[in-house]
Amino acid sequence: MSPRFLIASFDGLRPDLIGPELTPNLYRLQASGVTLANHRTVYPSETRAAFPSLVTGATTDRHGMVGNKYLDRSAMPPRYIDTSDAILLRLLDLESGGHLYFAPSLGEVLAANGRSLAVLATNTPGTTRLFHHKAEDFGHIRLSGHFREACTPDSLLSEIELRIGPLTPAPPKTQPDCVGQDWITSAFLDAVWPKYRPDVTILSYGEPDVTSHFHGTGAEATRAIIAHCDRQFGRVLYWWEAEGRRAGVQILAISDHGHITGHTRVSVADGLRAAGFSPGVAPASDVDVVVVPGQVGALYLAEPDEAKIARLVATIASEPWCGPVFTRAKDEVYGIAPGSLSNRLVFADHFRAPDVAFSFRANDSIDPFGLVGGTFYDNDRRPGLGLHGGLHEKELAATGIIAGSAFPATGSVSSVSSGICDLVPTILHLLEIDAPTAMSGRVLRELLEPASPQPVTIRTEQFEARLGSYKQVLRRVLVGDTCYVESGMAEG
């Protein structure tokens, strides 16, 4: 019997929040499977960079989704792209001749091999599309819990709405989204699985990410929505124990990134303006540097010559809020601007990438909820709220729990480093489908054959760059030939 796979994702769930009281069902899954204790996401640790890495098995330099937002210089004139827009993403894919991604995605690979991918999600409409951006081309299922423009096929959506209720508008961001999580869970259990039995299903809960952003990572409202998502997952887990496991379903419970807490609000644009730049959030005749909004810094110069890039790096490196900084490669380690590291070190070297990428400076302070990790930030919200995008180890830390007949070491913990890019290569291996060469992730063989693991070399490496009193340190882990970014910090 060929295995089937259910990937249950919890957007922004820190793995250190999983426990018997808050998440009893995820905790129960740990007893049935393997917990990936050193599981990480990609840089930037943003949702619409990470989930493309999930479905392509590749880092951002290969798939091209360089962040939640980016500047598209391939268009004339250059245009600002917000990847939360599902309609815009479809247009971009059509305009580019099918190259929204620069690497094959899971849905494409499965379709080419006569298999199917179903997506059910309560994330933004753009994120929902990014899980399977060509679903309508293959007759596959993609359903949003809120956004009709992200759903296909229409006939299935109509059928499910008649059975379990209509789509409801996404609630205000200050209000935890319970209804959407309930809808996609019921849609999977009552309609999608019984009728279609997809080879791979992605069931993506868009919480606790939004609630963490607007209430705080350990706030009462965030803990309540985590518990609610866990209860919905409990319905899936009971189905799996009663039926799914016998049908060969393997369960992967994951998250796309963690959260840390904002402690000090700053303005990148004000700092650049004071240094003589003319910043803006979109290209314009009077803008010499586009500052893409978000928790990971993306700076695009109107004239990106080396001297201007060096001046831009020197300006931000003098600011107390500046964390690790990356520019295009000068050599194997350093970027072209003094004080910067090469963006190749964090797998962010792509033509869509900014001229200067940076993370806000983070530290290991304890937030009001007792959680490790604090950071500067640039948005209009108060301090004390959840953030992600950068290189703090708690932003990069991702949930990873895998259970099923293919993973025999039940109730165990794997300390071998792993990442979000490894999951699809492992799935394709179990389906006996050759992985595309664009995939940079590895097959998690230590989970498949725990009694006789293949010998593998594990080593760590560290890179530093300085400019005056500014110093940054980047740490990576290599498992064989596969590299994971462990953390990046700055001081001075």
Protein backbone atom coordinates (compact mmCIF):
# COMPACT_ATOMS: atom_id res chain seq x y z
CA MET A 1 0.00 0.00 0.00
CA SER A 2 1.45 3.33 -1.06
CA PRO A 3 1.69 5.77 1.85
CA ARG A 4 -0.30 8.97 2.03
CA PHE A 5 0.69 12.08 3.92
CA LEU A 6 -1.02 14.74 6.02
CA ILE A 7 1.02 17.84 6.82
CA ALA A 8 -0.67 19.76 9.64
CA SER A 9 0.89 23.20 9.97
CA PHE A 10 0.51 25.69 12.80
CA ASP A 11 1.64 29.11 11.61
CA GLY A 12 4.16 30.67 13.98
CA LEU A 13 3.99 28.00 16.70
CA ARG A 14 7.15 27.95 18.79
CA PRO A 15 8.09 24.35 19.55
CA ASP A 16 8.77 25.21 23.21
CA LEU A 17 5.05 26.02 23.64
CA ILE A 18 4.03 22.40 23.01
CA GLY A 19 3.15 20.58 26.22
CA PRO A 20 0.56 18.35 27.92
CA GLU A 21 -1.58 21.21 29.23
CA LEU A 22 -1.66 23.70 26.35
CA THR A 23 -1.43 21.25 23.43
CA PRO A 24 -2.39 17.78 24.68
CA ASN A 25 -3.01 16.44 21.16
CA LEU A 26 0.30 17.56 19.71
CA TYR A 27 1.89 16.22 22.88
CA ARG A 28 0.10 12.91 22.28
CA LEU A 29 1.38 12.84 18.71
CA GLN A 30 4.91 13.12 20.08
CA ALA A 31 4.32 9.87 21.96
CA SER A 32 3.30 8.20 18.67
CA GLY A 33 6.12 9.55 16.56
CA VAL A 34 9.45 11.33 16.40
CA THR A 35 10.07 14.87 17.61
CA LEU A 36 12.63 16.84 15.62
CA ALA A 37 14.42 18.66 18.42
CA ASN A 38 16.66 20.79 16.18
CA HIS A 39 14.24 21.61 13.38
CA ARG A 40 14.59 24.99 11.66
CA THR A 41 13.06 27.19 9.04
CA VAL A 42 14.79 29.23 6.34
CA TYR A 43 15.94 32.84 6.18
CA PRO A 44 14.07 35.12 6.07
CA SER A 45 11.91 33.49 8.73
CA GLU A 46 8.73 34.80 7.11
CA THR A 47 5.69 32.74 6.19
CA ARG A 48 5.76 33.35 2.45
CA ALA A 49 9.43 32.46 2.22
CA ALA A 50 9.13 29.41 4.49
CA PHE A 51 6.08 27.70 2.99
CA PRO A 52 7.51 27.94 -0.53
CA SER A 53 10.58 26.24 0.95
CA LEU A 54 8.31 23.53 2.36
CA VAL A 55 6.65 22.74 -0.99
CA THR A 56 9.76 23.11 -3.16
CA GLY A 57 12.19 21.49 -0.71
CA ALA A 58 14.48 24.40 -1.53
CA THR A 59 15.92 27.53 0.05
CA THR A 60 14.87 31.01 -1.07
CA ASP A 61 17.77 31.42 -3.48
CA ARG A 62 16.34 28.52 -5.48
CA HIS A 63 12.58 29.10 -5.36
CA GLY A 64 12.69 32.90 -5.50
CA MET A 65 10.10 33.88 -2.88
CA VAL A 66 12.59 36.12 -1.09
CA GLY A 67 10.15 37.45 1.50
CA ASN A 68 6.56 38.32 2.28
CA LYS A 69 7.10 41.43 0.16
CA TYR A 70 9.73 42.32 -2.41
CA LEU A 71 10.55 44.72 -5.24
CA ASP A 72 10.06 43.24 -8.70
CA ARG A 73 12.82 44.75 -10.84
CA SER A 74 11.98 42.51 -13.80
CA ALA A 75 8.98 44.76 -14.46
CA MET A 76 9.32 48.18 -16.08
CA PRO A 77 8.92 50.26 -14.08
CA PRO A 78 9.85 48.19 -11.00
CA ARG A 79 6.85 47.30 -8.84
CA TYR A 80 6.25 46.48 -5.20
CA ILE A 81 4.90 42.93 -4.70
CA ASP A 82 2.86 41.86 -1.69
CA THR A 83 2.64 38.07 -1.83
CA SER A 84 -0.43 37.95 0.41
CA ASP A 85 -2.48 38.74 -2.72
CA ALA A 86 -3.61 35.47 -4.36
CA ILE A 87 -4.90 37.16 -7.53
CA LEU A 88 -1.61 39.00 -8.02
CA LEU A 89 0.35 35.77 -7.59
CA ARG A 90 -1.72 34.06 -10.28
CA LEU A 91 -1.09 37.01 -12.59
CA LEU A 92 2.65 36.89 -11.91
CA ASP A 93 2.75 33.18 -12.68
CA LEU A 94 0.91 33.67 -15.97
CA GLU A 95 3.00 36.70 -16.95
CA SER A 96 6.23 34.78 -16.32
CA GLY A 97 5.19 31.73 -18.31
CA GLY A 98 4.69 29.64 -15.19
CA HIS A 99 7.76 30.80 -13.27
CA LEU A 100 6.33 32.30 -10.13
CA TYR A 101 8.63 29.76 -8.50
CA PHE A 102 12.05 29.01 -9.91
CA ALA A 103 11.94 25.45 -8.56
CA PRO A 104 9.31 22.72 -9.07
CA SER A 105 6.73 22.56 -6.29
CA LEU A 106 5.23 19.52 -4.63
CA GLY A 107 1.92 19.85 -6.46
CA GLU A 108 3.68 19.95 -9.83
CA VAL A 109 5.86 16.93 -9.02
CA LEU A 110 2.91 14.90 -7.76
CA ALA A 111 0.79 15.79 -10.80
CA ALA A 112 3.61 14.73 -13.14
CA ASN A 113 3.58 11.35 -11.43
CA GLY A 114 -0.18 10.82 -11.39
CA ARG A 115 -0.58 11.83 -7.74
CA SER A 116 -2.55 14.59 -6.03
CA LEU A 117 -2.03 17.39 -3.52
CA ALA A 118 -4.88 18.98 -1.55
CA VAL A 119 -4.49 22.21 0.41
CA LEU A 120 -6.83 23.52 3.10
CA ALA A 121 -5.64 26.71 4.82
CA THR A 122 -6.68 29.70 6.89
CA ASN A 123 -3.60 31.78 6.09
CA THR A 124 -3.75 34.82 3.83
CA PRO A 125 -5.10 34.13 0.33
CA GLY A 126 -1.58 34.52 -1.08
CA THR A 127 -0.10 32.01 1.35
CA THR A 128 -2.90 29.58 0.53
CA ARG A 129 -2.07 29.86 -3.18
CA LEU A 130 1.67 29.46 -2.55
CA PHE A 131 1.08 26.00 -1.08
CA HIS A 132 -0.09 24.88 -4.53
CA HIS A 133 0.01 27.76 -6.98
CA LYS A 134 -1.02 25.61 -9.95
CA ALA A 135 -3.83 23.60 -8.32
CA GLU A 136 -6.43 24.72 -10.87
CA ASP A 137 -4.14 23.66 -13.73
CA PHE A 138 -4.12 20.06 -12.49
CA GLY A 139 -7.65 19.79 -11.11
CA HIS A 140 -6.27 19.56 -7.57
CA ILE A 141 -7.94 20.89 -4.42
CA ARG A 142 -7.04 24.20 -2.79
CA LEU A 143 -9.44 25.58 -0.20
CA SER A 144 -9.27 28.65 1.97
CA GLY A 145 -11.27 28.92 5.17
CA HIS A 146 -12.10 32.54 4.31
CA PHE A 147 -11.03 33.67 0.84
CA ARG A 148 -13.05 32.53 -2.16
CA GLU A 149 -10.43 33.78 -4.63
CA ALA A 150 -7.94 31.23 -3.30
CA CYS A 151 -10.31 28.25 -3.70
CA THR A 152 -10.49 25.65 -6.45
CA PRO A 153 -12.47 23.85 -7.80
CA ASP A 154 -15.69 25.84 -7.43
CA SER A 155 -17.81 22.69 -7.47
CA LEU A 156 -16.08 21.27 -4.41
CA LEU A 157 -16.32 24.56 -2.54
CA SER A 158 -20.06 24.69 -3.24
CA GLU A 159 -20.46 21.09 -2.06
CA ILE A 160 -18.60 21.74 1.18
CA GLU A 161 -20.46 24.99 1.88
CA LEU A 162 -23.76 23.13 1.58
CA ARG A 163 -22.51 20.43 3.95
CA ILE A 164 -20.66 22.30 6.69
CA GLY A 165 -21.52 25.98 6.16
CA PRO A 166 -20.40 28.93 4.04
CA LEU A 167 -17.06 30.65 4.12
CA THR A 168 -17.00 33.48 6.62
CA PRO A 169 -14.93 36.66 6.34
CA ALA A 170 -11.61 36.58 8.15
CA PRO A 171 -12.07 38.17 11.58
CA PRO A 172 -10.27 41.40 12.51
CA LYS A 173 -6.61 40.70 13.22
CA THR A 174 -7.14 41.62 16.86
CA GLN A 175 -9.62 38.73 17.17
CA PRO A 176 -8.34 35.12 17.20
CA ASP A 177 -9.62 33.10 14.25
CA CYS A 178 -11.51 30.09 15.60
CA VAL A 179 -14.16 29.73 12.89
CA GLY A 180 -11.70 29.28 10.06
CA GLN A 181 -9.77 26.54 11.85
CA ASP A 182 -13.01 24.66 12.49
CA TRP A 183 -14.11 25.00 8.85
CA ILE A 184 -10.96 23.59 7.24
CA THR A 185 -10.83 20.72 9.74
CA SER A 186 -14.42 19.74 9.01
CA ALA A 187 -13.86 20.18 5.27
CA PHE A 188 -10.97 17.71 5.39
CA LEU A 189 -12.64 15.14 7.63
CA ASP A 190 -16.15 15.30 6.16
CA ALA A 191 -15.53 15.93 2.46
CA VAL A 192 -11.97 15.94 1.13
CA TRP A 193 -10.66 12.74 2.68
CA PRO A 194 -13.79 10.55 2.29
CA LYS A 195 -14.30 11.46 -1.37
CA TYR A 196 -10.84 12.24 -2.75
CA ARG A 197 -8.17 10.63 -0.50
CA PRO A 198 -5.34 12.88 -1.71
CA ASP A 199 -1.84 11.45 -1.79
CA VAL A 200 -0.64 14.48 0.18
CA THR A 201 -2.78 16.95 2.13
CA ILE A 202 -1.60 20.22 3.64
CA LEU A 203 -3.89 21.34 6.47
CA SER A 204 -2.62 24.75 7.44
CA TYR A 205 -3.89 26.49 10.55
CA GLY A 206 -3.11 30.21 10.15
CA GLU A 207 -2.89 30.61 13.91
CA PRO A 208 -1.29 31.33 16.37
CA ASP A 209 0.70 33.67 14.11
CA VAL A 210 -1.83 36.49 13.75
CA THR A 211 -2.86 36.46 17.40
CA SER A 212 0.79 36.48 18.49
CA HIS A 213 1.39 39.56 16.32
CA PHE A 214 -1.51 41.45 17.89
CA HIS A 215 -1.57 40.14 21.47
CA GLY A 216 1.87 38.68 22.24
CA THR A 217 3.44 35.25 21.87
CA GLY A 218 2.56 34.05 25.36
CA ALA A 219 -0.53 36.19 25.93
CA GLU A 220 -3.78 34.69 27.16
CA ALA A 221 -5.45 35.18 23.76
CA THR A 222 -2.56 33.50 21.97
CA ARG A 223 -2.49 30.57 24.33
CA ALA A 224 -6.26 30.23 23.88
CA ILE A 225 -6.01 30.04 20.07
CA ILE A 226 -3.11 27.59 20.34
CA ALA A 227 -5.33 25.39 22.50
CA HIS A 228 -8.20 25.79 20.04
CA CYS A 229 -6.03 24.77 17.07
CA ASP A 230 -4.80 21.81 19.09
CA ARG A 231 -8.40 20.74 19.72
CA GLN A 232 -9.11 20.88 16.00
CA PHE A 233 -5.97 18.87 15.38
CA GLY A 234 -7.26 16.46 18.02
CA ARG A 235 -10.22 15.72 15.73
CA VAL A 236 -7.72 14.87 12.99
CA LEU A 237 -5.64 12.78 15.35
CA TYR A 238 -8.66 10.73 16.44
CA TRP A 239 -9.51 10.16 12.78
CA TRP A 240 -5.94 9.07 12.14
CA GLU A 241 -5.95 6.64 15.03
CA ALA A 242 -9.31 5.20 14.00
CA GLU A 243 -8.92 5.18 10.22
CA GLY A 244 -6.06 7.14 8.71
CA ARG A 245 -3.22 5.08 10.11
CA ARG A 246 -4.72 1.88 8.67
CA ALA A 247 -4.97 3.67 5.30
CA GLY A 248 -1.23 4.30 5.37
CA VAL A 249 -1.41 8.00 6.30
CA GLN A 250 1.76 9.49 7.76
CA ILE A 251 1.30 12.67 9.84
CA LEU A 252 3.74 15.59 9.89
CA ALA A 253 2.95 18.37 12.39
CA ILE A 254 5.03 21.45 11.63
CA SER A 255 5.33 25.21 11.89
CA ASP A 256 6.95 27.67 9.52
CA HIS A 257 8.84 29.75 12.11
CA GLY A 258 8.79 30.85 15.71
CA HIS A 259 8.17 34.25 17.33
CA ILE A 260 10.15 36.55 19.58
CA THR A 261 8.95 39.73 21.31
CA GLY A 262 9.38 43.31 20.17
CA HIS A 263 10.85 45.51 22.89
CA THR A 264 11.76 48.81 21.17
CA ARG A 265 10.10 50.50 18.21
CA VAL A 266 12.35 52.28 15.69
CA SER A 267 12.05 53.84 12.23
CA VAL A 268 14.44 52.60 9.56
CA ALA A 269 13.22 55.30 7.16
CA ASP A 270 13.94 58.07 9.68
CA GLY A 271 17.46 56.74 10.21
CA LEU A 272 18.13 56.65 6.49
CA ARG A 273 16.61 60.10 5.97
CA ALA A 274 18.85 61.55 8.67
CA ALA A 275 21.85 60.12 6.82
CA GLY A 276 20.88 61.86 3.59
CA PHE A 277 18.91 59.13 1.82
CA SER A 278 15.42 59.61 0.35
CA PRO A 279 13.58 56.46 1.46
CA GLY A 280 10.13 55.28 0.41
CA VAL A 281 8.02 52.11 0.55
CA ALA A 282 7.67 51.88 -3.24
CA PRO A 283 9.65 53.08 -6.28
CA ALA A 284 9.20 56.74 -7.18
CA SER A 285 11.18 59.49 -8.86
CA ASP A 286 12.11 61.05 -5.51
CA VAL A 287 13.00 57.74 -3.80
CA ASP A 288 16.60 56.50 -3.87
CA VAL A 289 16.08 53.53 -1.55
CA VAL A 290 12.95 51.43 -1.20
CA VAL A 291 12.42 50.20 2.37
CA VAL A 292 10.21 47.13 2.11
CA PRO A 293 8.06 47.01 5.25
CA GLY A 294 8.43 43.98 7.48
CA GLN A 295 10.42 42.51 10.34
CA VAL A 296 13.24 41.47 8.01
CA GLY A 297 14.95 44.45 6.44
CA ALA A 298 14.95 44.62 2.63
CA LEU A 299 16.53 47.70 1.06
CA TYR A 300 16.50 48.24 -2.71
CA LEU A 301 18.58 51.10 -4.13
CA ALA A 302 17.51 52.97 -7.26
CA GLU A 303 21.17 52.89 -8.32
CA PRO A 304 22.75 49.87 -6.62
CA ASP A 305 26.44 50.46 -7.30
CA GLU A 306 29.00 49.23 -4.78
CA ALA A 307 29.72 52.66 -3.32
CA LYS A 308 26.04 53.33 -2.58
CA ILE A 309 25.58 49.84 -1.12
CA ALA A 310 28.64 50.37 1.12
CA ARG A 311 27.27 53.73 2.29
CA LEU A 312 23.88 52.18 3.01
CA VAL A 313 25.46 49.37 5.05
CA ALA A 314 27.65 51.81 6.99
CA THR A 315 24.55 53.88 7.80
CA ILE A 316 22.46 51.05 9.22
CA ALA A 317 25.41 49.33 10.96
CA SER A 318 25.84 52.47 13.06
CA GLU A 319 22.29 52.14 14.39
CA PRO A 320 21.58 50.29 17.67
CA TRP A 321 18.70 48.40 16.02
CA CYS A 322 20.81 46.83 13.28
CA GLY A 323 21.39 43.08 13.41
CA PRO A 324 23.07 40.85 10.81
CA VAL A 325 23.56 42.45 7.36
CA PHE A 326 23.95 40.74 3.97
CA THR A 327 24.86 41.96 0.49
CA ARG A 328 25.77 40.18 -2.71
CA ALA A 329 28.94 38.12 -2.54
CA LYS A 330 32.44 39.54 -2.79
CA ASP A 331 33.88 36.11 -2.01
CA GLU A 332 32.83 32.93 -0.23
CA VAL A 333 32.19 34.73 3.10
CA TYR A 334 31.92 38.49 2.78
CA GLY A 335 29.51 40.77 0.98
CA ILE A 336 30.60 43.59 -1.30
CA ALA A 337 30.06 46.18 1.47
CA PRO A 338 32.43 46.36 4.46
CA GLY A 339 30.74 44.90 7.55
CA SER A 340 28.36 42.70 5.56
CA LEU A 341 28.36 38.96 5.01
CA SER A 342 27.57 37.34 1.69
CA ASN A 343 23.87 36.66 1.18
CA ARG A 344 24.92 33.24 -0.14
CA LEU A 345 25.66 32.20 3.45
CA VAL A 346 21.95 32.43 4.26
CA PHE A 347 20.81 31.12 0.84
CA ALA A 348 19.29 34.46 -0.14
CA ASP A 349 21.21 35.10 -3.37
CA HIS A 350 18.46 35.62 -5.94
CA PHE A 351 17.79 38.36 -8.50
CA ARG A 352 14.65 39.32 -6.54
CA ALA A 353 16.72 39.73 -3.35
CA PRO A 354 17.34 43.22 -1.92
CA ASP A 355 20.64 45.03 -2.36
CA VAL A 356 20.95 45.09 1.43
CA ALA A 357 19.17 42.57 3.64
CA PHE A 358 19.27 42.88 7.40
CA SER A 359 17.61 41.58 10.53
CA PHE A 360 16.71 43.75 13.47
CA ARG A 361 19.01 43.29 16.43
CA ALA A 362 17.72 40.61 18.79
CA ASN A 363 18.86 39.25 22.13
CA ASP A 364 18.09 36.50 24.62
CA SER A 365 16.10 38.65 27.02
CA ILE A 366 13.08 37.13 28.77
CA ASP A 367 9.78 38.65 27.70
CA PRO A 368 6.81 39.33 30.02
CA PHE A 369 5.50 35.82 29.29
CA GLY A 370 8.71 34.10 30.38
CA LEU A 371 9.80 33.31 26.81
CA VAL A 372 13.32 33.83 25.48
CA GLY A 373 13.89 36.36 22.72
CA GLY A 374 13.51 40.10 22.25
CA THR A 375 14.07 42.43 19.31
CA PHE A 376 13.88 45.94 17.92
CA TYR A 377 11.11 46.38 15.36
CA ASP A 378 9.65 48.85 12.87
CA ASN A 379 5.85 48.94 12.77
CA ASP A 380 3.03 50.92 14.37
CA ARG A 381 2.25 48.45 17.16
CA ARG A 382 3.08 48.63 20.84
CA PRO A 383 6.01 46.76 22.42
CA GLY A 384 5.40 43.27 23.81
CA LEU A 385 3.98 41.67 20.66
CA GLY A 386 5.21 38.70 18.63
CA LEU A 387 7.57 39.17 15.68
CA HIS A 388 9.58 37.05 13.27
CA GLY A 389 11.59 37.28 10.07
CA GLY A 390 15.11 37.49 11.43
CA LEU A 391 17.86 35.19 12.59
CA HIS A 392 17.33 34.76 16.32
CA GLU A 393 17.38 31.04 17.07
CA LYS A 394 13.80 31.21 18.40
CA GLU A 395 12.60 32.77 15.13
CA LEU A 396 14.33 30.02 13.17
CA ALA A 397 13.13 27.25 15.49
CA ALA A 398 10.19 25.38 13.95
CA THR A 399 7.89 22.63 15.16
CA GLY A 400 8.55 19.20 13.69
CA ILE A 401 6.75 16.00 14.76
CA ILE A 402 6.41 13.02 12.41
CA ALA A 403 4.40 9.84 13.00
CA GLY A 404 3.30 6.84 10.97
CA SER A 405 4.33 3.39 9.87
CA ALA A 406 7.31 4.73 7.88
CA PHE A 407 8.80 6.22 11.04
CA PRO A 408 9.24 3.35 13.49
CA ALA A 409 10.97 5.05 16.43
CA THR A 410 7.78 5.99 18.29
CA GLY A 411 8.04 8.32 21.24
CA SER A 412 11.60 9.29 20.35
CA VAL A 413 13.48 12.53 19.89
CA SER A 414 15.89 13.16 17.02
CA SER A 415 18.64 15.62 17.87
CA VAL A 416 20.05 15.64 14.33
CA SER A 417 19.53 19.02 12.69
CA SER A 418 16.69 19.14 10.17
CA GLY A 419 14.78 21.79 8.32
CA ILE A 420 11.59 22.70 6.51
CA CYS A 421 13.27 21.91 3.17
CA ASP A 422 13.75 18.26 4.21
CA LEU A 423 10.11 17.27 4.51
CA VAL A 424 9.11 17.05 0.84
CA PRO A 425 12.28 15.17 -0.22
CA THR A 426 11.44 12.64 2.50
CA ILE A 427 7.83 12.37 1.29
CA LEU A 428 8.91 11.89 -2.32
CA HIS A 429 11.41 9.25 -1.27
CA LEU A 430 8.65 7.28 0.45
CA LEU A 431 6.44 7.68 -2.63
CA GLU A 432 9.33 6.40 -4.77
CA ILE A 433 9.34 9.60 -6.82
CA ASP A 434 12.65 11.15 -7.84
CA ALA A 435 13.18 14.52 -6.24
CA PRO A 436 13.93 17.44 -8.60
CA THR A 437 17.56 18.55 -8.59
CA ALA A 438 16.46 22.02 -7.41
CA MET A 439 15.61 20.58 -3.99
CA SER A 440 18.27 21.46 -1.43
CA GLY A 441 16.72 19.49 1.44
CA ARG A 442 17.73 15.96 2.35
CA VAL A 443 15.86 12.72 3.00
CA LEU A 444 15.54 12.23 6.78
CA ARG A 445 16.98 8.74 6.68
CA GLU A 446 17.74 8.73 10.41
CA LEU A 447 13.97 8.66 11.00
CA LEU A 448 13.29 5.92 8.47
CA GLU A 449 16.00 3.54 9.70
CA PRO A 450 16.69 4.46 13.33
CA ALA A 451 18.05 1.01 14.21
CA SER A 452 20.79 1.20 11.58
CA PRO A 453 21.38 4.86 10.77
CA GLN A 454 23.74 5.71 7.96
CA PRO A 455 26.96 7.33 9.21
CA VAL A 456 26.88 11.07 8.57
CA THR A 457 29.29 13.87 9.34
CA ILE A 458 27.92 16.72 11.44
CA ARG A 459 29.89 19.92 11.89
CA THR A 460 29.31 23.55 12.83
CA GLU A 461 30.74 26.71 11.33
CA GLN A 462 30.83 30.37 12.28
CA PHE A 463 31.31 33.54 10.24
CA GLU A 464 32.02 37.06 11.46
CA ALA A 465 32.11 40.52 9.91
CA ARG A 466 33.02 43.87 11.48
CA LEU A 467 32.74 47.55 10.70
CA GLY A 468 34.03 49.86 13.43
CA SER A 469 32.35 48.80 16.67
CA TYR A 470 29.73 46.79 14.79
CA LYS A 471 30.17 43.01 14.76
CA GLN A 472 27.93 40.25 13.47
CA VAL A 473 28.18 36.50 13.94
CA LEU A 474 26.41 33.86 11.83
CA ARG A 475 26.26 30.20 12.89
CA ARG A 476 25.41 27.24 10.68
CA VAL A 477 25.19 23.46 11.08
CA LEU A 478 26.03 20.95 8.35
CA VAL A 479 24.62 17.43 8.26
CA GLY A 480 26.58 15.77 5.49
CA ASP A 481 26.25 18.21 2.58
CA THR A 482 23.04 19.84 3.86
CA CYS A 483 23.43 23.17 5.61
CA TYR A 484 21.09 24.77 8.16
CA VAL A 485 21.28 28.35 9.41
CA GLU A 486 21.33 28.14 13.20
CA SER A 487 21.39 31.81 14.26
CA GLY A 488 22.70 35.27 13.51
CA MET A 489 23.39 37.99 16.05
CA ALA A 490 25.03 41.42 16.12
CA GLU A 491 26.57 43.70 18.72
CA GLY A 492 28.45 46.94 19.03
